[in-house]
Structure formats: C-alpha cells, structure tokens
C-alpha cells in the first residue's frame, strides 16, 4: 500500500473527517493532509530505489476542544501504521478562533519496477 493510501486509512480511524488538501464540510473538528516533501533516495545503477515522502497532517478544532488528546492519538496511530513522526506544531488562528495542530510524518516507499519500464 502506498503512503497516501495508508495515511488516509490511518486518519479515518480517528472518526474525524479527513481530506486531502482542503476540507469543505461543516464539522468544527477535521483533518487535512498534504505532502510536505518528496525525495528520491537509495540510489543504485544511477536510479533511485526508493522515495522518502514527508506528510503534514493538520488538525483544526475550536477553542475548548481536547486537541492535545487528539494530537497524542494521531501520533500513536501514525506510529502504529509505520510512519515516522517528526514534530508537532500547535498554532492559534485568531481570524477563525481555531486551534491548528500540524504533525509531520514520513514514510519510505520502494520504487516500482514498472515506473522505470515506462521510461525506457
């Protein structure tokens, strides 16, 4: 399973709406995720053998919500799914009165042979 599929499946375990890039729903508490960085790694025969993908998971919640508890739960779910979790940043957005938590996580994926077959 690719990291984007695994991340979506992992975030769904929270019971919160989880959308790629942008949430357009009406729930006060929701998750949004996006790629932060993607790099080819483990080069051999002049070609990368894997790709390292860093993801950002954003938790948006109103003041008063137990964002710390959800942050701990998200970190535990990500680690259990095999992601490496780097850091968490918590912000308060004055314009919306929302708490905004950003978790950075990483997964390394092997390059598929068919990718290079299409290029040759």
PDB file of N, CA and C in Angstrom:
ATOM      1  N   UNK A   1       0.847  -1.176   0.000  1.00  0.00           N
ATOM      2  CA  UNK A   1       0.000   0.000   0.000  1.00  0.00           C
ATOM      3  C   UNK A   1       0.895   1.242   0.000  1.00  0.00           C
ATOM      4  N   UNK A   2       0.596   2.185  -0.832  1.00  0.00           N
ATOM      5  CA  UNK A   2       1.356   3.430  -0.909  1.00  0.00           C
ATOM      6  C   UNK A   2       1.053   4.303   0.309  1.00  0.00           C
ATOM      7  N   UNK A   3       1.962   5.214   0.621  1.00  0.00           N
ATOM      8  CA  UNK A   3       1.831   6.008   1.844  1.00  0.00           C
ATOM      9  C   UNK A   3       0.584   6.883   1.853  1.00  0.00           C
ATOM     10  N   UNK A   4       0.148   7.389   0.693  1.00  0.00           N
ATOM     11  CA  UNK A   4      -1.063   8.212   0.689  1.00  0.00           C
ATOM     12  C   UNK A   4      -2.294   7.394   1.071  1.00  0.00           C
ATOM     13  N   UNK A   5      -2.368   6.162   0.579  1.00  0.00           N
ATOM     14  CA  UNK A   5      -3.492   5.288   0.923  1.00  0.00           C
ATOM     15  C   UNK A   5      -3.449   4.908   2.397  1.00  0.00           C
ATOM     16  N   UNK A   6      -2.247   4.597   2.889  1.00  0.00           N
ATOM     17  CA  UNK A   6      -2.086   4.216   4.290  1.00  0.00           C
ATOM     18  C   UNK A   6      -2.403   5.388   5.211  1.00  0.00           C
ATOM     19  N   UNK A   7      -1.968   6.586   4.833  1.00  0.00           N
ATOM     20  CA  UNK A   7      -2.235   7.764   5.650  1.00  0.00           C
ATOM     21  C   UNK A   7      -3.734   8.022   5.743  1.00  0.00           C
ATOM     22  N   UNK A   8      -4.431   7.977   4.620  1.00  0.00           N
ATOM     23  CA  UNK A   8      -5.887   8.190   4.611  1.00  0.00           C
ATOM     24  C   UNK A   8      -6.581   7.167   5.502  1.00  0.00           C
ATOM     25  N   UNK A   9      -6.218   5.906   5.352  1.00  0.00           N
ATOM     26  CA  UNK A   9      -6.803   4.830   6.146  1.00  0.00           C
ATOM     27  C   UNK A   9      -6.526   5.043   7.639  1.00  0.00           C
ATOM     28  N   UNK A  10      -5.321   5.468   7.964  1.00  0.00           N
ATOM     29  CA  UNK A  10      -4.933   5.716   9.361  1.00  0.00           C
ATOM     30  C   UNK A  10      -5.734   6.871   9.949  1.00  0.00           C
ATOM     31  N   UNK A  11      -5.859   7.965   9.208  1.00  0.00           N
ATOM     32  CA  UNK A  11      -6.583   9.133   9.708  1.00  0.00           C
ATOM     33  C   UNK A  11      -8.073   8.849   9.887  1.00  0.00           C
ATOM     34  N   UNK A  12      -8.624   7.996   9.055  1.00  0.00           N
ATOM     35  CA  UNK A  12     -10.042   7.643   9.173  1.00  0.00           C
ATOM     36  C   UNK A  12     -10.342   6.963  10.502  1.00  0.00           C
ATOM     37  N   UNK A  13      -9.328   6.347  11.120  1.00  0.00           N
ATOM     38  CA  UNK A  13      -9.519   5.680  12.406  1.00  0.00           C
ATOM     39  C   UNK A  13      -9.849   6.652  13.535  1.00  0.00           C
ATOM     40  N   UNK A  14      -9.638   7.942  13.330  1.00  0.00           N
ATOM     41  CA  UNK A  14      -9.954   8.936  14.357  1.00  0.00           C
ATOM     42  C   UNK A  14     -11.450   9.204  14.432  1.00  0.00           C
ATOM     43  N   UNK A  15     -12.176   8.890  13.358  1.00  0.00           N
ATOM     44  CA  UNK A  15     -13.599   9.216  13.301  1.00  0.00           C
ATOM     45  C   UNK A  15     -13.858  10.640  12.850  1.00  0.00           C
ATOM     46  N   UNK A  16     -12.798  11.395  12.613  1.00  0.00           N
ATOM     47  CA  UNK A  16     -12.935  12.771  12.136  1.00  0.00           C
ATOM     48  C   UNK A  16     -12.915  12.792  10.612  1.00  0.00           C
ATOM     49  N   UNK A  17     -13.557  13.785   9.994  1.00  0.00           N
ATOM     50  CA  UNK A  17     -13.402  13.929   8.548  1.00  0.00           C
ATOM     51  C   UNK A  17     -11.928  14.176   8.220  1.00  0.00           C
ATOM     52  N   UNK A  18     -11.406  13.476   7.225  1.00  0.00           N
ATOM     53  CA  UNK A  18     -10.001  13.617   6.817  1.00  0.00           C
ATOM     54  C   UNK A  18      -9.959  13.756   5.304  1.00  0.00           C
ATOM     55  N   UNK A  19      -9.502  14.905   4.836  1.00  0.00           N
ATOM     56  CA  UNK A  19      -9.484  15.189   3.402  1.00  0.00           C
ATOM     57  C   UNK A  19      -8.101  15.627   2.952  1.00  0.00           C
ATOM     58  N   UNK A  20      -7.787  15.306   1.705  1.00  0.00           N
ATOM     59  CA  UNK A  20      -6.530  15.722   1.091  1.00  0.00           C
ATOM     60  C   UNK A  20      -6.638  17.186   0.675  1.00  0.00           C
ATOM     61  N   UNK A  21      -5.698  17.996   1.073  1.00  0.00           N
ATOM     62  CA  UNK A  21      -5.536  19.409   0.717  1.00  0.00           C
ATOM     63  C   UNK A  21      -6.549  20.357   1.361  1.00  0.00           C
ATOM     64  N   UNK A  22      -7.863  20.064   1.248  1.00  0.00           N
ATOM     65  CA  UNK A  22      -8.850  21.038   1.704  1.00  0.00           C
ATOM     66  C   UNK A  22     -10.126  20.342   2.174  1.00  0.00           C
ATOM     67  N   UNK A  23     -10.672  20.818   3.283  1.00  0.00           N
ATOM     68  CA  UNK A  23     -11.941  20.303   3.806  1.00  0.00           C
ATOM     69  C   UNK A  23     -13.018  21.343   3.546  1.00  0.00           C
ATOM     70  N   UNK A  24     -14.105  20.930   2.922  1.00  0.00           N
ATOM     71  CA  UNK A  24     -15.187  21.862   2.599  1.00  0.00           C
ATOM     72  C   UNK A  24     -16.483  21.531   3.329  1.00  0.00           C
ATOM     73  N   UNK A  25     -16.376  20.701   4.346  1.00  0.00           N
ATOM     74  CA  UNK A  25     -17.562  20.291   5.096  1.00  0.00           C
ATOM     75  C   UNK A  25     -17.946  21.299   6.163  1.00  0.00           C
ATOM     76  N   UNK A  26     -18.801  20.859   7.073  1.00  0.00           N
ATOM     77  CA  UNK A  26     -19.336  21.758   8.092  1.00  0.00           C
ATOM     78  C   UNK A  26     -18.936  21.372   9.515  1.00  0.00           C
ATOM     79  N   UNK A  27     -18.201  20.288   9.688  1.00  0.00           N
ATOM     80  CA  UNK A  27     -17.775  19.860  11.026  1.00  0.00           C
ATOM     81  C   UNK A  27     -16.763  20.853  11.590  1.00  0.00           C
ATOM     82  N   UNK A  28     -16.830  21.066  12.906  1.00  0.00           N
ATOM     83  CA  UNK A  28     -15.908  22.001  13.548  1.00  0.00           C
ATOM     84  C   UNK A  28     -14.512  21.408  13.729  1.00  0.00           C
ATOM     85  N   UNK A  29     -14.440  20.096  13.867  1.00  0.00           N
ATOM     86  CA  UNK A  29     -13.161  19.424  14.060  1.00  0.00           C
ATOM     87  C   UNK A  29     -12.917  18.525  12.853  1.00  0.00           C
ATOM     88  N   UNK A  30     -11.776  18.712  12.206  1.00  0.00           N
ATOM     89  CA  UNK A  30     -11.479  17.932  10.999  1.00  0.00           C
ATOM     90  C   UNK A  30      -9.979  17.873  10.764  1.00  0.00           C
ATOM     91  N   UNK A  31      -9.602  16.987   9.849  1.00  0.00           N
ATOM     92  CA  UNK A  31      -8.202  16.792   9.478  1.00  0.00           C
ATOM     93  C   UNK A  31      -8.011  17.088   8.001  1.00  0.00           C
ATOM     94  N   UNK A  32      -6.867  17.644   7.672  1.00  0.00           N
ATOM     95  CA  UNK A  32      -6.453  17.863   6.287  1.00  0.00           C
ATOM     96  C   UNK A  32      -5.012  17.363   6.208  1.00  0.00           C
ATOM     97  N   UNK A  33      -4.658  16.744   5.089  1.00  0.00           N
ATOM     98  CA  UNK A  33      -3.278  16.259   4.941  1.00  0.00           C
ATOM     99  C   UNK A  33      -2.748  16.619   3.556  1.00  0.00           C
ATOM    100  N   UNK A  34      -1.417  16.758   3.486  1.00  0.00           N
ATOM    101  CA  UNK A  34      -0.759  17.100   2.219  1.00  0.00           C
ATOM    102  C   UNK A  34       0.692  16.651   2.256  1.00  0.00           C
ATOM    103  N   UNK A  35       1.293  16.529   1.076  1.00  0.00           N
ATOM    104  CA  UNK A  35       2.714  16.225   1.003  1.00  0.00           C
ATOM    105  C   UNK A  35       3.506  17.462   1.428  1.00  0.00           C
ATOM    106  N   UNK A  36       4.541  17.216   2.210  1.00  0.00           N
ATOM    107  CA  UNK A  36       5.428  18.289   2.639  1.00  0.00           C
ATOM    108  C   UNK A  36       6.709  18.282   1.809  1.00  0.00           C
ATOM    109  N   UNK A  37       7.236  17.081   1.548  1.00  0.00           N
ATOM    110  CA  UNK A  37       8.492  16.945   0.824  1.00  0.00           C
ATOM    111  C   UNK A  37       8.590  15.530   0.270  1.00  0.00           C
ATOM    112  N   UNK A  38       9.157  15.400  -0.904  1.00  0.00           N
ATOM    113  CA  UNK A  38       9.333  14.084  -1.525  1.00  0.00           C
ATOM    114  C   UNK A  38      10.702  14.050  -2.186  1.00  0.00           C
ATOM    115  N   UNK A  39      11.506  13.010  -1.830  1.00  0.00           N
ATOM    116  CA  UNK A  39      12.869  12.925  -2.358  1.00  0.00           C
ATOM    117  C   UNK A  39      13.221  11.497  -2.743  1.00  0.00           C
ATOM    118  N   UNK A  40      13.919  11.367  -3.844  1.00  0.00           N
ATOM    119  CA  UNK A  40      14.452  10.068  -4.251  1.00  0.00           C
ATOM    120  C   UNK A  40      15.627   9.731  -3.350  1.00  0.00           C
ATOM    121  N   UNK A  41      15.721   8.463  -2.942  1.00  0.00           N
ATOM    122  CA  UNK A  41      16.799   8.027  -2.052  1.00  0.00           C
ATOM    123  C   UNK A  41      17.290   6.657  -2.480  1.00  0.00           C
ATOM    124  N   UNK A  42      18.328   6.182  -1.829  1.00  0.00           N
ATOM    125  CA  UNK A  42      18.881   4.839  -2.036  1.00  0.00           C
ATOM    126  C   UNK A  42      19.186   4.579  -3.512  1.00  0.00           C
ATOM    127  N   UNK A  43      20.047   5.399  -4.080  1.00  0.00           N
ATOM    128  CA  UNK A  43      20.386   5.273  -5.493  1.00  0.00           C
ATOM    129  C   UNK A  43      21.294   4.063  -5.768  1.00  0.00           C
ATOM    130  N   UNK A  44      21.008   3.389  -6.876  1.00  0.00           N
ATOM    131  CA  UNK A  44      21.824   2.271  -7.359  1.00  0.00           C
ATOM    132  C   UNK A  44      21.643   2.208  -8.874  1.00  0.00           C
ATOM    133  N   UNK A  45      22.707   1.916  -9.580  1.00  0.00           N
ATOM    134  CA  UNK A  45      22.648   1.878 -11.049  1.00  0.00           C
ATOM    135  C   UNK A  45      22.085   3.179 -11.617  1.00  0.00           C
ATOM    136  N   UNK A  46      22.488   4.304 -11.029  1.00  0.00           N
ATOM    137  CA  UNK A  46      22.095   5.639 -11.482  1.00  0.00           C
ATOM    138  C   UNK A  46      20.592   5.909 -11.380  1.00  0.00           C
ATOM    139  N   UNK A  47      19.901   5.154 -10.537  1.00  0.00           N
ATOM    140  CA  UNK A  47      18.463   5.357 -10.384  1.00  0.00           C
ATOM    141  C   UNK A  47      18.081   5.209  -8.909  1.00  0.00           C
ATOM    142  N   UNK A  48      17.095   6.010  -8.466  1.00  0.00           N
ATOM    143  CA  UNK A  48      16.650   5.856  -7.080  1.00  0.00           C
ATOM    144  C   UNK A  48      15.925   4.530  -6.895  1.00  0.00           C
ATOM    145  N   UNK A  49      16.138   3.929  -5.758  1.00  0.00           N
ATOM    146  CA  UNK A  49      15.471   2.664  -5.437  1.00  0.00           C
ATOM    147  C   UNK A  49      14.275   2.876  -4.514  1.00  0.00           C
ATOM    148  N   UNK A  50      14.194   4.082  -3.930  1.00  0.00           N
ATOM    149  CA  UNK A  50      13.099   4.391  -3.007  1.00  0.00           C
ATOM    150  C   UNK A  50      12.827   5.888  -3.031  1.00  0.00           C
ATOM    151  N   UNK A  51      11.715   6.244  -2.455  1.00  0.00           N
ATOM    152  CA  UNK A  51      11.360   7.651  -2.327  1.00  0.00           C
ATOM    153  C   UNK A  51      10.925   7.880  -0.873  1.00  0.00           C
ATOM    154  N   UNK A  52      11.417   8.962  -0.297  1.00  0.00           N
ATOM    155  CA  UNK A  52      11.060   9.352   1.066  1.00  0.00           C
ATOM    156  C   UNK A  52      10.014  10.458   0.965  1.00  0.00           C
ATOM    157  N   UNK A  53       8.844  10.225   1.546  1.00  0.00           N
ATOM    158  CA  UNK A  53       7.751  11.194   1.457  1.00  0.00           C
ATOM    159  C   UNK A  53       7.397  11.691   2.861  1.00  0.00           C
ATOM    160  N   UNK A  54       7.497  12.997   3.033  1.00  0.00           N
ATOM    161  CA  UNK A  54       7.079  13.631   4.277  1.00  0.00           C
ATOM    162  C   UNK A  54       5.681  14.187   4.074  1.00  0.00           C
ATOM    163  N   UNK A  55       4.812  13.919   5.034  1.00  0.00           N
ATOM    164  CA  UNK A  55       3.424  14.373   5.012  1.00  0.00           C
ATOM    165  C   UNK A  55       3.174  15.336   6.163  1.00  0.00           C
ATOM    166  N   UNK A  56       2.248  16.246   5.968  1.00  0.00           N
ATOM    167  CA  UNK A  56       1.745  17.079   7.048  1.00  0.00           C
ATOM    168  C   UNK A  56       0.300  16.680   7.303  1.00  0.00           C
ATOM    169  N   UNK A  57      -0.034  16.486   8.573  1.00  0.00           N
ATOM    170  CA  UNK A  57      -1.400  16.231   8.992  1.00  0.00           C
ATOM    171  C   UNK A  57      -1.826  17.439   9.818  1.00  0.00           C
ATOM    172  N   UNK A  58      -2.911  18.082   9.412  1.00  0.00           N
ATOM    173  CA  UNK A  58      -3.408  19.283  10.080  1.00  0.00           C
ATOM    174  C   UNK A  58      -4.699  18.953  10.822  1.00  0.00           C
ATOM    175  N   UNK A  59      -4.725  19.257  12.095  1.00  0.00           N
ATOM    176  CA  UNK A  59      -5.930  19.133  12.903  1.00  0.00           C
ATOM    177  C   UNK A  59      -6.464  20.533  13.141  1.00  0.00           C
ATOM    178  N   UNK A  60      -7.722  20.766  12.788  1.00  0.00           N
ATOM    179  CA  UNK A  60      -8.377  22.041  13.046  1.00  0.00           C
ATOM    180  C   UNK A  60      -9.501  21.799  14.041  1.00  0.00           C
ATOM    181  N   UNK A  61      -9.558  22.616  15.091  1.00  0.00           N
ATOM    182  CA  UNK A  61     -10.562  22.432  16.138  1.00  0.00           C
ATOM    183  C   UNK A  61     -10.860  23.769  16.808  1.00  0.00           C
ATOM    184  N   UNK A  62     -12.060  23.930  17.349  1.00  0.00           N
ATOM    185  CA  UNK A  62     -12.380  25.167  18.059  1.00  0.00           C
ATOM    186  C   UNK A  62     -11.700  25.201  19.427  1.00  0.00           C
ATOM    187  N   UNK A  63     -11.624  26.381  19.993  1.00  0.00           N
ATOM    188  CA  UNK A  63     -11.108  26.516  21.364  1.00  0.00           C
ATOM    189  C   UNK A  63     -11.946  25.630  22.276  1.00  0.00           C
ATOM    190  N   UNK A  64     -11.292  25.031  23.264  1.00  0.00           N
ATOM    191  CA  UNK A  64     -12.012  24.188  24.198  1.00  0.00           C
ATOM    192  C   UNK A  64     -12.008  22.713  23.840  1.00  0.00           C
ATOM    193  N   UNK A  65     -11.661  22.395  22.596  1.00  0.00           N
ATOM    194  CA  UNK A  65     -11.580  21.002  22.172  1.00  0.00           C
ATOM    195  C   UNK A  65     -10.297  20.379  22.746  1.00  0.00           C
ATOM    196  N   UNK A  66     -10.339  19.109  23.089  1.00  0.00           N
ATOM    197  CA  UNK A  66      -9.156  18.417  23.630  1.00  0.00           C
ATOM    198  C   UNK A  66      -8.172  18.101  22.496  1.00  0.00           C
ATOM    199  N   UNK A  67      -7.526  19.131  21.972  1.00  0.00           N
ATOM    200  CA  UNK A  67      -6.605  18.937  20.849  1.00  0.00           C
ATOM    201  C   UNK A  67      -5.360  18.172  21.278  1.00  0.00           C
ATOM    202  N   UNK A  68      -4.956  18.315  22.527  1.00  0.00           N
ATOM    203  CA  UNK A  68      -3.778  17.576  22.994  1.00  0.00           C
ATOM    204  C   UNK A  68      -4.037  16.069  22.989  1.00  0.00           C
ATOM    205  N   UNK A  69      -5.220  15.676  23.436  1.00  0.00           N
ATOM    206  CA  UNK A  69      -5.594  14.261  23.413  1.00  0.00           C
ATOM    207  C   UNK A  69      -5.630  13.724  21.997  1.00  0.00           C
ATOM    208  N   UNK A  70      -6.192  14.502  21.063  1.00  0.00           N
ATOM    209  CA  UNK A  70      -6.241  14.058  19.665  1.00  0.00           C
ATOM    210  C   UNK A  70      -4.849  14.048  19.052  1.00  0.00           C
ATOM    211  N   UNK A  71      -4.008  15.001  19.441  1.00  0.00           N
ATOM    212  CA  UNK A  71      -2.625  15.019  18.941  1.00  0.00           C
ATOM    213  C   UNK A  71      -1.898  13.746  19.372  1.00  0.00           C
ATOM    214  N   UNK A  72      -2.068  13.356  20.638  1.00  0.00           N
ATOM    215  CA  UNK A  72      -1.451  12.117  21.125  1.00  0.00           C
ATOM    216  C   UNK A  72      -2.011  10.906  20.381  1.00  0.00           C
ATOM    217  N   UNK A  73      -3.316  10.888  20.148  1.00  0.00           N
ATOM    218  CA  UNK A  73      -3.932   9.769  19.434  1.00  0.00           C
ATOM    219  C   UNK A  73      -3.428   9.697  17.996  1.00  0.00           C
ATOM    220  N   UNK A  74      -3.349  10.833  17.323  1.00  0.00           N
ATOM    221  CA  UNK A  74      -2.837  10.861  15.951  1.00  0.00           C
ATOM    222  C   UNK A  74      -1.400  10.338  15.898  1.00  0.00           C
ATOM    223  N   UNK A  75      -0.568  10.808  16.816  1.00  0.00           N
ATOM    224  CA  UNK A  75       0.836  10.363  16.844  1.00  0.00           C
ATOM    225  C   UNK A  75       0.894   8.845  17.026  1.00  0.00           C
ATOM    226  N   UNK A  76       0.106   8.313  17.957  1.00  0.00           N
ATOM    227  CA  UNK A  76       0.101   6.869  18.213  1.00  0.00           C
ATOM    228  C   UNK A  76      -0.380   6.089  16.991  1.00  0.00           C
ATOM    229  N   UNK A  77      -1.435   6.558  16.335  1.00  0.00           N
ATOM    230  CA  UNK A  77      -1.949   5.873  15.141  1.00  0.00           C
ATOM    231  C   UNK A  77      -0.926   5.890  14.010  1.00  0.00           C
ATOM    232  N   UNK A  78      -0.275   7.024  13.816  1.00  0.00           N
ATOM    233  CA  UNK A  78       0.734   7.132  12.753  1.00  0.00           C
ATOM    234  C   UNK A  78       1.911   6.203  13.016  1.00  0.00           C
ATOM    235  N   UNK A  79       2.382   6.184  14.242  1.00  0.00           N
ATOM    236  CA  UNK A  79       3.498   5.293  14.591  1.00  0.00           C
ATOM    237  C   UNK A  79       3.099   3.829  14.417  1.00  0.00           C
ATOM    238  N   UNK A  80       1.898   3.482  14.856  1.00  0.00           N
ATOM    239  CA  UNK A  80       1.414   2.107  14.722  1.00  0.00           C
ATOM    240  C   UNK A  80       1.315   1.682  13.258  1.00  0.00           C
ATOM    241  N   UNK A  81       0.991   2.632  12.381  1.00  0.00           N
ATOM    242  CA  UNK A  81       0.861   2.338  10.951  1.00  0.00           C
ATOM    243  C   UNK A  81       2.214   2.258  10.248  1.00  0.00           C
ATOM    244  N   UNK A  82       3.307   2.628  10.952  1.00  0.00           N
ATOM    245  CA  UNK A  82       4.634   2.540  10.355  1.00  0.00           C
ATOM    246  C   UNK A  82       5.231   3.860   9.912  1.00  0.00           C
ATOM    247  N   UNK A  83       4.562   4.968  10.190  1.00  0.00           N
ATOM    248  CA  UNK A  83       5.108   6.277   9.856  1.00  0.00           C
ATOM    249  C   UNK A  83       6.104   6.701  10.935  1.00  0.00           C
ATOM    250  N   UNK A  84       7.116   7.448  10.535  1.00  0.00           N
ATOM    251  CA  UNK A  84       7.985   8.117  11.496  1.00  0.00           C
ATOM    252  C   UNK A  84       7.361   9.485  11.734  1.00  0.00           C
ATOM    253  N   UNK A  85       7.246   9.897  12.988  1.00  0.00           N
ATOM    254  CA  UNK A  85       6.647  11.194  13.308  1.00  0.00           C
ATOM    255  C   UNK A  85       7.749  12.108  13.799  1.00  0.00           C
ATOM    256  N   UNK A  86       7.889  13.253  13.133  1.00  0.00           N
ATOM    257  CA  UNK A  86       8.985  14.170  13.450  1.00  0.00           C
ATOM    258  C   UNK A  86       8.565  15.175  14.507  1.00  0.00           C
ATOM    259  N   UNK A  87       7.754  16.117  14.157  1.00  0.00           N
ATOM    260  CA  UNK A  87       7.421  17.167  15.100  1.00  0.00           C
ATOM    261  C   UNK A  87       5.950  17.529  15.019  1.00  0.00           C
ATOM    262  N   UNK A  88       5.508  18.264  16.034  1.00  0.00           N
ATOM    263  CA  UNK A  88       4.143  18.776  16.084  1.00  0.00           C
ATOM    264  C   UNK A  88       4.210  20.252  16.434  1.00  0.00           C
ATOM    265  N   UNK A  89       3.464  21.046  15.707  1.00  0.00           N
ATOM    266  CA  UNK A  89       3.399  22.486  15.949  1.00  0.00           C
ATOM    267  C   UNK A  89       1.936  22.819  16.241  1.00  0.00           C
ATOM    268  N   UNK A  90       1.702  23.582  17.304  1.00  0.00           N
ATOM    269  CA  UNK A  90       0.344  23.988  17.651  1.00  0.00           C
ATOM    270  C   UNK A  90       0.233  25.497  17.515  1.00  0.00           C
ATOM    271  N   UNK A  91      -0.756  25.929  16.742  1.00  0.00           N
ATOM    272  CA  UNK A  91      -0.975  27.349  16.476  1.00  0.00           C
ATOM    273  C   UNK A  91      -2.394  27.735  16.879  1.00  0.00           C
ATOM    274  N   UNK A  92      -2.610  29.018  17.171  1.00  0.00           N
ATOM    275  CA  UNK A  92      -3.953  29.544  17.362  1.00  0.00           C
ATOM    276  C   UNK A  92      -4.205  30.532  16.235  1.00  0.00           C
ATOM    277  N   UNK A  93      -5.281  30.312  15.498  1.00  0.00           N
ATOM    278  CA  UNK A  93      -5.619  31.193  14.389  1.00  0.00           C
ATOM    279  C   UNK A  93      -6.655  32.210  14.860  1.00  0.00           C
ATOM    280  N   UNK A  94      -6.209  33.450  15.063  1.00  0.00           N
ATOM    281  CA  UNK A  94      -7.091  34.495  15.591  1.00  0.00           C
ATOM    282  C   UNK A  94      -8.299  34.759  14.688  1.00  0.00           C
ATOM    283  N   UNK A  95      -8.086  34.692  13.387  1.00  0.00           N
ATOM    284  CA  UNK A  95      -9.147  35.016  12.439  1.00  0.00           C
ATOM    285  C   UNK A  95     -10.354  34.083  12.577  1.00  0.00           C
ATOM    286  N   UNK A  96     -10.083  32.823  12.871  1.00  0.00           N
ATOM    287  CA  UNK A  96     -11.164  31.826  12.954  1.00  0.00           C
ATOM    288  C   UNK A  96     -11.417  31.358  14.383  1.00  0.00           C
ATOM    289  N   UNK A  97     -10.511  31.701  15.300  1.00  0.00           N
ATOM    290  CA  UNK A  97     -10.639  31.228  16.672  1.00  0.00           C
ATOM    291  C   UNK A  97     -10.376  29.739  16.791  1.00  0.00           C
ATOM    292  N   UNK A  98      -9.592  29.206  15.863  1.00  0.00           N
ATOM    293  CA  UNK A  98      -9.339  27.766  15.810  1.00  0.00           C
ATOM    294  C   UNK A  98      -7.943  27.411  16.291  1.00  0.00           C
ATOM    295  N   UNK A  99      -7.848  26.222  16.877  1.00  0.00           N
ATOM    296  CA  UNK A  99      -6.559  25.612  17.175  1.00  0.00           C
ATOM    297  C   UNK A  99      -6.148  24.862  15.906  1.00  0.00           C
ATOM    298  N   UNK A 100      -4.898  24.986  15.534  1.00  0.00           N
ATOM    299  CA  UNK A 100      -4.372  24.340  14.328  1.00  0.00           C
ATOM    300  C   UNK A 100      -3.113  23.589  14.722  1.00  0.00           C
ATOM    301  N   UNK A 101      -3.188  22.271  14.682  1.00  0.00           N
ATOM    302  CA  UNK A 101      -2.048  21.419  15.015  1.00  0.00           C
ATOM    303  C   UNK A 101      -1.492  20.835  13.723  1.00  0.00           C
ATOM    304  N   UNK A 102      -0.190  20.882  13.548  1.00  0.00           N
ATOM    305  CA  UNK A 102       0.459  20.322  12.362  1.00  0.00           C
ATOM    306  C   UNK A 102       1.429  19.235  12.811  1.00  0.00           C
ATOM    307  N   UNK A 103       1.191  18.024  12.357  1.00  0.00           N
ATOM    308  CA  UNK A 103       2.094  16.894  12.620  1.00  0.00           C
ATOM    309  C   UNK A 103       2.815  16.549  11.326  1.00  0.00           C
ATOM    310  N   UNK A 104       4.127  16.391  11.381  1.00  0.00           N
ATOM    311  CA  UNK A 104       4.910  15.958  10.229  1.00  0.00           C
ATOM    312  C   UNK A 104       5.259  14.493  10.399  1.00  0.00           C
ATOM    313  N   UNK A 105       5.016  13.710   9.347  1.00  0.00           N
ATOM    314  CA  UNK A 105       5.329  12.284   9.410  1.00  0.00           C
ATOM    315  C   UNK A 105       5.933  11.826   8.082  1.00  0.00           C
ATOM    316  N   UNK A 106       6.657  10.721   8.139  1.00  0.00           N
ATOM    317  CA  UNK A 106       7.418  10.252   6.991  1.00  0.00           C
ATOM    318  C   UNK A 106       7.193   8.775   6.730  1.00  0.00           C
ATOM    319  N   UNK A 107       7.245   8.426   5.443  1.00  0.00           N
ATOM    320  CA  UNK A 107       7.186   7.027   5.019  1.00  0.00           C
ATOM    321  C   UNK A 107       8.121   6.889   3.828  1.00  0.00           C
ATOM    322  N   UNK A 108       8.869   5.791   3.789  1.00  0.00           N
ATOM    323  CA  UNK A 108       9.725   5.493   2.651  1.00  0.00           C
ATOM    324  C   UNK A 108       9.050   4.425   1.808  1.00  0.00           C
ATOM    325  N   UNK A 109       8.964   4.672   0.515  1.00  0.00           N
ATOM    326  CA  UNK A 109       8.353   3.728  -0.421  1.00  0.00           C
ATOM    327  C   UNK A 109       9.394   3.222  -1.394  1.00  0.00           C
ATOM    328  N   UNK A 110       9.366   1.932  -1.679  1.00  0.00           N
ATOM    329  CA  UNK A 110      10.223   1.378  -2.724  1.00  0.00           C
ATOM    330  C   UNK A 110       9.711   1.839  -4.076  1.00  0.00           C
ATOM    331  N   UNK A 111      10.646   2.079  -4.995  1.00  0.00           N
ATOM    332  CA  UNK A 111      10.255   2.439  -6.364  1.00  0.00           C
ATOM    333  C   UNK A 111       9.768   1.183  -7.060  1.00  0.00           C
ATOM    334  N   UNK A 112       8.724   1.311  -7.825  1.00  0.00           N
ATOM    335  CA  UNK A 112       8.188   0.159  -8.541  1.00  0.00           C
ATOM    336  C   UNK A 112       8.947  -0.031  -9.850  1.00  0.00           C
ATOM    337  N   UNK A 113       9.250  -1.271 -10.188  1.00  0.00           N
ATOM    338  CA  UNK A 113       9.957  -1.563 -11.431  1.00  0.00           C
ATOM    339  C   UNK A 113       9.219  -1.031 -12.643  1.00  0.00           C
ATOM    340  N   UNK A 114       7.895  -1.086 -12.610  1.00  0.00           N
ATOM    341  CA  UNK A 114       7.120  -0.642 -13.773  1.00  0.00           C
ATOM    342  C   UNK A 114       7.311   0.841 -14.059  1.00  0.00           C
ATOM    343  N   UNK A 115       7.669   1.632 -13.052  1.00  0.00           N
ATOM    344  CA  UNK A 115       7.925   3.059 -13.271  1.00  0.00           C
ATOM    345  C   UNK A 115       9.055   3.234 -14.277  1.00  0.00           C
ATOM    346  N   UNK A 116      10.148   2.488 -14.083  1.00  0.00           N
ATOM    347  CA  UNK A 116      11.296   2.616 -14.980  1.00  0.00           C
ATOM    348  C   UNK A 116      11.016   1.973 -16.321  1.00  0.00           C
ATOM    349  N   UNK A 117      10.218   0.936 -16.359  1.00  0.00           N
ATOM    350  CA  UNK A 117       9.898   0.286 -17.640  1.00  0.00           C
ATOM    351  C   UNK A 117       9.162   1.256 -18.559  1.00  0.00           C
ATOM    352  N   UNK A 118       8.340   2.110 -17.985  1.00  0.00           N
ATOM    353  CA  UNK A 118       7.596   3.080 -18.780  1.00  0.00           C
ATOM    354  C   UNK A 118       8.517   4.156 -19.340  1.00  0.00           C
ATOM    355  N   UNK A 119       9.630   4.433 -18.640  1.00  0.00           N
ATOM    356  CA  UNK A 119      10.546   5.469 -19.075  1.00  0.00           C
ATOM    357  C   UNK A 119      11.525   4.984 -20.134  1.00  0.00           C
ATOM    358  N   UNK A 120      11.853   3.702 -20.094  1.00  0.00           N
ATOM    359  CA  UNK A 120      12.867   3.178 -21.017  1.00  0.00           C
ATOM    360  C   UNK A 120      12.334   3.015 -22.430  1.00  0.00           C
TER     361      UNK A 120
END
